[in-house]
Amino acid sequence: LLKLTLANKEQTVTVEPLQFDVPSIGGASREVRLPNSEKSFRYEFWFDPFCSGKVCVRHTGVIVVQDLSAIQAYGLDNTIFTSGYLRGYIDADFLKPLPARALFEENQDWTDFVAALGTIAPELEAEVNKLQEQKEQERRSQVLRKAFRIARAVLNEDQFKDLELPPILEQRTSG
């Protein structure tokens, strides 16, 4: 969100960051209650089309687990939370961080937390898959448009002027 204004004697230039429209994932229910408990956690996730996203777990706003993919146990590897297509955080204030804040205590709360993640994973994965398909369709459309532009440019060169454009190129390039 940093906006810079650079000025010298002759001119002033404003540099603004690029704006990305990153879809939110998870719908309206961003709070999950643990099974058979009054405890709950909140999350905020976004789709990362570049597959470099990380999901962290926070306790009272402080990151304790930087990246869920670093945790090899509990079946979290190879889930939507470690796929890279999900970026965001989970606020789980009921968990007890270890003294160095390197991880959480592996107690019943932690086990219930991991189980609750498993219950929301299919819904999140379905949303991510849908967004991946949309991105892939957009990419294919861009490639197709570019291919038609190139084909039309080539066929409009002097050595091809006596040829008629194929009907598909006339339709695709007229608009």
C-alpha atoms as a PDB file:
ATOM      1  CA  LEU A   1       0.000   0.000   0.000  1.00  0.00           C
ATOM      2  CA  LEU A   2       3.076   2.211  -0.101  1.00  0.00           C
ATOM      3  CA  LYS A   3       2.717   5.198  -2.413  1.00  0.00           C
ATOM      4  CA  LEU A   4       5.844   7.195  -3.243  1.00  0.00           C
ATOM      5  CA  THR A   5       6.216  10.675  -4.653  1.00  0.00           C
ATOM      6  CA  LEU A   6       9.569  11.456  -6.207  1.00  0.00           C
ATOM      7  CA  ALA A   7      10.369  15.061  -6.880  1.00  0.00           C
ATOM      8  CA  ASN A   8      13.286  16.944  -8.372  1.00  0.00           C
ATOM      9  CA  LYS A   9      13.644  20.509  -9.586  1.00  0.00           C
ATOM     10  CA  GLU A  10      11.879  19.812 -12.877  1.00  0.00           C
ATOM     11  CA  GLN A  11       9.115  17.313 -12.194  1.00  0.00           C
ATOM     12  CA  THR A  12       7.214  15.260  -9.650  1.00  0.00           C
ATOM     13  CA  VAL A  13       6.369  11.607 -10.226  1.00  0.00           C
ATOM     14  CA  THR A  14       4.046   9.476  -8.105  1.00  0.00           C
ATOM     15  CA  VAL A  15       4.714   5.756  -7.956  1.00  0.00           C
ATOM     16  CA  GLU A  16       1.831   3.570  -6.834  1.00  0.00           C
ATOM     17  CA  PRO A  17       1.929  -0.168  -6.163  1.00  0.00           C
ATOM     18  CA  LEU A  18       0.297  -2.586  -8.572  1.00  0.00           C
ATOM     19  CA  GLN A  19      -3.229  -3.524  -7.600  1.00  0.00           C
ATOM     20  CA  PHE A  20      -4.054  -7.217  -7.597  1.00  0.00           C
ATOM     21  CA  ASP A  21      -7.562  -8.543  -7.455  1.00  0.00           C
ATOM     22  CA  VAL A  22      -7.065 -11.653  -5.341  1.00  0.00           C
ATOM     23  CA  PRO A  23     -10.277 -13.581  -4.694  1.00  0.00           C
ATOM     24  CA  SER A  24     -11.165 -14.373  -1.123  1.00  0.00           C
ATOM     25  CA  ILE A  25     -11.708 -18.045  -0.276  1.00  0.00           C
ATOM     26  CA  GLY A  26     -13.962 -19.508   2.374  1.00  0.00           C
ATOM     27  CA  GLY A  27     -17.294 -17.832   1.852  1.00  0.00           C
ATOM     28  CA  ALA A  28     -19.239 -16.273   4.674  1.00  0.00           C
ATOM     29  CA  SER A  29     -18.354 -18.822   7.342  1.00  0.00           C
ATOM     30  CA  ARG A  30     -14.895 -17.777   8.441  1.00  0.00           C
ATOM     31  CA  GLU A  31     -15.259 -19.076  11.972  1.00  0.00           C
ATOM     32  CA  VAL A  32     -15.020 -22.772  12.735  1.00  0.00           C
ATOM     33  CA  ARG A  33     -16.118 -24.334  16.010  1.00  0.00           C
ATOM     34  CA  LEU A  34     -14.162 -27.347  17.192  1.00  0.00           C
ATOM     35  CA  PRO A  35     -16.144 -30.578  17.404  1.00  0.00           C
ATOM     36  CA  ASN A  36     -17.691 -31.150  20.856  1.00  0.00           C
ATOM     37  CA  SER A  37     -16.286 -27.879  22.196  1.00  0.00           C
ATOM     38  CA  GLU A  38     -17.039 -24.212  22.667  1.00  0.00           C
ATOM     39  CA  LYS A  39     -13.620 -23.307  21.232  1.00  0.00           C
ATOM     40  CA  SER A  40     -13.322 -21.913  17.734  1.00  0.00           C
ATOM     41  CA  PHE A  41     -10.845 -20.389  15.324  1.00  0.00           C
ATOM     42  CA  ARG A  42     -11.138 -17.765  12.610  1.00  0.00           C
ATOM     43  CA  TYR A  43      -9.450 -17.718   9.231  1.00  0.00           C
ATOM     44  CA  GLU A  44      -8.892 -15.468   6.256  1.00  0.00           C
ATOM     45  CA  PHE A  45      -7.770 -17.044   2.975  1.00  0.00           C
ATOM     46  CA  TRP A  46      -7.127 -15.811  -0.549  1.00  0.00           C
ATOM     47  CA  PHE A  47      -6.478 -17.606  -3.819  1.00  0.00           C
ATOM     48  CA  ASP A  48      -2.848 -17.499  -4.986  1.00  0.00           C
ATOM     49  CA  PRO A  49      -2.710 -18.208  -8.735  1.00  0.00           C
ATOM     50  CA  PHE A  50       1.098 -18.286  -8.615  1.00  0.00           C
ATOM     51  CA  CYS A  51       1.097 -21.273  -6.237  1.00  0.00           C
ATOM     52  CA  SER A  52       3.407 -19.580  -3.743  1.00  0.00           C
ATOM     53  CA  GLY A  53       0.908 -18.978  -0.950  1.00  0.00           C
ATOM     54  CA  LYS A  54       1.471 -19.916   2.659  1.00  0.00           C
ATOM     55  CA  VAL A  55      -0.998 -20.450   5.459  1.00  0.00           C
ATOM     56  CA  CYS A  56       0.206 -19.378   8.891  1.00  0.00           C
ATOM     57  CA  VAL A  57      -1.320 -20.008  12.292  1.00  0.00           C
ATOM     58  CA  ARG A  58      -1.446 -17.115  14.731  1.00  0.00           C
ATOM     59  CA  HIS A  59      -2.021 -16.864  18.458  1.00  0.00           C
ATOM     60  CA  THR A  60      -3.343 -13.486  19.662  1.00  0.00           C
ATOM     61  CA  GLY A  61      -2.216 -11.943  16.384  1.00  0.00           C
ATOM     62  CA  VAL A  62       1.365 -13.248  16.584  1.00  0.00           C
ATOM     63  CA  ILE A  63       2.505 -15.807  14.020  1.00  0.00           C
ATOM     64  CA  VAL A  64       3.499 -19.074  15.690  1.00  0.00           C
ATOM     65  CA  VAL A  65       3.481 -21.409  12.681  1.00  0.00           C
ATOM     66  CA  GLN A  66       4.876 -19.499   9.712  1.00  0.00           C
ATOM     67  CA  ASP A  67       3.785 -22.066   7.131  1.00  0.00           C
ATOM     68  CA  LEU A  68       1.581 -25.137   7.656  1.00  0.00           C
ATOM     69  CA  SER A  69       3.535 -26.960   4.940  1.00  0.00           C
ATOM     70  CA  ALA A  70       6.513 -27.030   7.332  1.00  0.00           C
ATOM     71  CA  ILE A  71       4.569 -29.360   9.632  1.00  0.00           C
ATOM     72  CA  GLN A  72       5.087 -32.867   8.302  1.00  0.00           C
ATOM     73  CA  ALA A  73       2.873 -34.698  10.796  1.00  0.00           C
ATOM     74  CA  TYR A  74      -0.893 -34.840  11.303  1.00  0.00           C
ATOM     75  CA  GLY A  75      -1.723 -35.379   7.648  1.00  0.00           C
ATOM     76  CA  LEU A  76      -1.529 -31.687   6.788  1.00  0.00           C
ATOM     77  CA  ASP A  77       0.950 -32.267   3.978  1.00  0.00           C
ATOM     78  CA  ASN A  78      -0.684 -32.705   0.572  1.00  0.00           C
ATOM     79  CA  THR A  79      -3.789 -30.780   1.636  1.00  0.00           C
ATOM     80  CA  ILE A  80      -5.212 -27.532   0.322  1.00  0.00           C
ATOM     81  CA  PHE A  81      -3.506 -25.752   3.252  1.00  0.00           C
ATOM     82  CA  THR A  82      -0.064 -26.723   1.930  1.00  0.00           C
ATOM     83  CA  SER A  83      -0.781 -26.623  -1.822  1.00  0.00           C
ATOM     84  CA  GLY A  84       0.451 -23.065  -2.380  1.00  0.00           C
ATOM     85  CA  TYR A  85      -2.860 -21.999  -3.940  1.00  0.00           C
ATOM     86  CA  LEU A  86      -4.100 -20.803  -0.562  1.00  0.00           C
ATOM     87  CA  ARG A  87      -2.644 -17.737   1.148  1.00  0.00           C
ATOM     88  CA  GLY A  88      -3.703 -16.414   4.519  1.00  0.00           C
ATOM     89  CA  TYR A  89      -3.851 -16.991   8.227  1.00  0.00           C
ATOM     90  CA  ILE A  90      -5.691 -18.867  10.916  1.00  0.00           C
ATOM     91  CA  ASP A  91      -6.274 -17.228  14.298  1.00  0.00           C
ATOM     92  CA  ALA A  92      -6.396 -19.970  16.937  1.00  0.00           C
ATOM     93  CA  ASP A  93      -6.143 -18.205  20.278  1.00  0.00           C
ATOM     94  CA  PHE A  94      -7.215 -21.290  22.245  1.00  0.00           C
ATOM     95  CA  LEU A  95      -4.032 -23.165  21.288  1.00  0.00           C
ATOM     96  CA  LYS A  96      -1.059 -22.976  23.656  1.00  0.00           C
ATOM     97  CA  PRO A  97       2.199 -21.904  22.015  1.00  0.00           C
ATOM     98  CA  LEU A  98       5.448 -23.513  23.131  1.00  0.00           C
ATOM     99  CA  PRO A  99       7.808 -21.171  25.033  1.00  0.00           C
ATOM    100  CA  ALA A 100       9.890 -20.237  21.977  1.00  0.00           C
ATOM    101  CA  ARG A 101       6.714 -19.817  19.892  1.00  0.00           C
ATOM    102  CA  ALA A 102       8.084 -22.398  17.473  1.00  0.00           C
ATOM    103  CA  LEU A 103       4.948 -24.529  17.514  1.00  0.00           C
ATOM    104  CA  PHE A 104       1.904 -25.260  19.653  1.00  0.00           C
ATOM    105  CA  GLU A 105       1.538 -27.785  22.442  1.00  0.00           C
ATOM    106  CA  GLU A 106       0.472 -31.110  21.002  1.00  0.00           C
ATOM    107  CA  ASN A 107      -2.562 -31.637  23.213  1.00  0.00           C
ATOM    108  CA  GLN A 108      -6.249 -32.386  22.633  1.00  0.00           C
ATOM    109  CA  ASP A 109      -6.901 -28.814  21.469  1.00  0.00           C
ATOM    110  CA  TRP A 110      -4.233 -29.204  18.762  1.00  0.00           C
ATOM    111  CA  THR A 111      -5.669 -32.559  17.667  1.00  0.00           C
ATOM    112  CA  ASP A 112      -9.183 -31.102  17.531  1.00  0.00           C
ATOM    113  CA  PHE A 113      -7.848 -28.104  15.597  1.00  0.00           C
ATOM    114  CA  VAL A 114      -6.231 -30.344  12.951  1.00  0.00           C
ATOM    115  CA  ALA A 115      -9.461 -32.385  12.712  1.00  0.00           C
ATOM    116  CA  ALA A 116     -11.481 -29.197  12.217  1.00  0.00           C
ATOM    117  CA  LEU A 117      -9.113 -28.144   9.424  1.00  0.00           C
ATOM    118  CA  GLY A 118      -9.906 -31.456   7.772  1.00  0.00           C
ATOM    119  CA  THR A 119     -13.628 -30.681   7.859  1.00  0.00           C
ATOM    120  CA  ILE A 120     -13.281 -27.358   6.000  1.00  0.00           C
ATOM    121  CA  ALA A 121     -10.630 -28.566   3.536  1.00  0.00           C
ATOM    122  CA  PRO A 122     -13.044 -30.045   0.921  1.00  0.00           C
ATOM    123  CA  GLU A 123     -15.027 -26.802   0.624  1.00  0.00           C
ATOM    124  CA  LEU A 124     -11.865 -24.725   0.316  1.00  0.00           C
ATOM    125  CA  GLU A 125     -10.397 -27.145  -2.212  1.00  0.00           C
ATOM    126  CA  ALA A 126     -13.548 -26.953  -4.340  1.00  0.00           C
ATOM    127  CA  GLU A 127     -13.342 -23.148  -4.399  1.00  0.00           C
ATOM    128  CA  VAL A 128      -9.653 -23.231  -5.303  1.00  0.00           C
ATOM    129  CA  ASN A 129     -10.277 -25.763  -8.093  1.00  0.00           C
ATOM    130  CA  LYS A 130     -13.007 -23.551  -9.533  1.00  0.00           C
ATOM    131  CA  LEU A 131     -10.706 -20.518  -9.494  1.00  0.00           C
ATOM    132  CA  GLN A 132      -7.902 -22.561 -11.070  1.00  0.00           C
ATOM    133  CA  GLU A 133     -10.244 -23.575 -13.891  1.00  0.00           C
ATOM    134  CA  GLN A 134     -11.260 -19.952 -14.441  1.00  0.00           C
ATOM    135  CA  LYS A 135      -7.613 -18.856 -14.590  1.00  0.00           C
ATOM    136  CA  GLU A 136      -6.819 -21.669 -17.032  1.00  0.00           C
ATOM    137  CA  GLN A 137      -9.751 -20.670 -19.271  1.00  0.00           C
ATOM    138  CA  GLU A 138      -8.582 -17.048 -19.222  1.00  0.00           C
ATOM    139  CA  ARG A 139      -5.067 -18.158 -20.158  1.00  0.00           C
ATOM    140  CA  ARG A 140      -6.360 -20.315 -23.015  1.00  0.00           C
ATOM    141  CA  SER A 141      -8.504 -17.452 -24.318  1.00  0.00           C
ATOM    142  CA  GLN A 142      -5.518 -15.102 -24.265  1.00  0.00           C
ATOM    143  CA  VAL A 143      -3.371 -17.621 -26.136  1.00  0.00           C
ATOM    144  CA  LEU A 144      -6.125 -18.168 -28.703  1.00  0.00           C
ATOM    145  CA  ARG A 145      -6.636 -14.422 -29.253  1.00  0.00           C
ATOM    146  CA  LYS A 146      -2.893 -13.951 -29.669  1.00  0.00           C
ATOM    147  CA  ALA A 147      -2.700 -16.853 -32.131  1.00  0.00           C
ATOM    148  CA  PHE A 148      -5.516 -15.363 -34.229  1.00  0.00           C
ATOM    149  CA  ARG A 149      -3.844 -11.920 -34.219  1.00  0.00           C
ATOM    150  CA  ILE A 150      -0.551 -13.450 -35.360  1.00  0.00           C
ATOM    151  CA  ALA A 151      -2.248 -15.561 -38.054  1.00  0.00           C
ATOM    152  CA  ARG A 152      -4.155 -12.560 -39.364  1.00  0.00           C
ATOM    153  CA  ALA A 153      -1.022 -10.384 -39.343  1.00  0.00           C
ATOM    154  CA  VAL A 154       0.884 -13.032 -41.303  1.00  0.00           C
ATOM    155  CA  LEU A 155      -1.923 -13.565 -43.798  1.00  0.00           C
ATOM    156  CA  ASN A 156      -2.265  -9.789 -44.338  1.00  0.00           C
ATOM    157  CA  GLU A 157       1.339  -9.507 -45.550  1.00  0.00           C
ATOM    158  CA  ASP A 158       1.919  -8.684 -49.246  1.00  0.00           C
ATOM    159  CA  GLN A 159       2.832 -12.222 -50.320  1.00  0.00           C
ATOM    160  CA  PHE A 160      -0.533 -13.481 -49.017  1.00  0.00           C
ATOM    161  CA  LYS A 161      -2.764 -10.615 -50.256  1.00  0.00           C
ATOM    162  CA  ASP A 162      -4.196 -12.704 -53.099  1.00  0.00           C
ATOM    163  CA  LEU A 163      -5.408 -15.347 -50.601  1.00  0.00           C
ATOM    164  CA  GLU A 164      -8.736 -15.125 -48.897  1.00  0.00           C
ATOM    165  CA  LEU A 165      -8.765 -15.251 -45.091  1.00  0.00           C
ATOM    166  CA  PRO A 166     -10.282 -18.455 -43.753  1.00  0.00           C
ATOM    167  CA  PRO A 167     -13.790 -17.770 -42.398  1.00  0.00           C
ATOM    168  CA  ILE A 168     -12.751 -18.599 -38.822  1.00  0.00           C
ATOM    169  CA  LEU A 169     -10.078 -15.868 -38.915  1.00  0.00           C
ATOM    170  CA  GLU A 170     -12.513 -13.341 -40.383  1.00  0.00           C
ATOM    171  CA  GLN A 171     -15.002 -14.074 -37.584  1.00  0.00           C
ATOM    172  CA  ARG A 172     -12.408 -14.059 -34.787  1.00  0.00           C
ATOM    173  CA  THR A 173     -10.549 -10.947 -35.880  1.00  0.00           C
ATOM    174  CA  SER A 174     -13.435  -8.738 -36.956  1.00  0.00           C
ATOM    175  CA  GLY A 175     -14.427  -7.867 -33.386  1.00  0.00           C
END
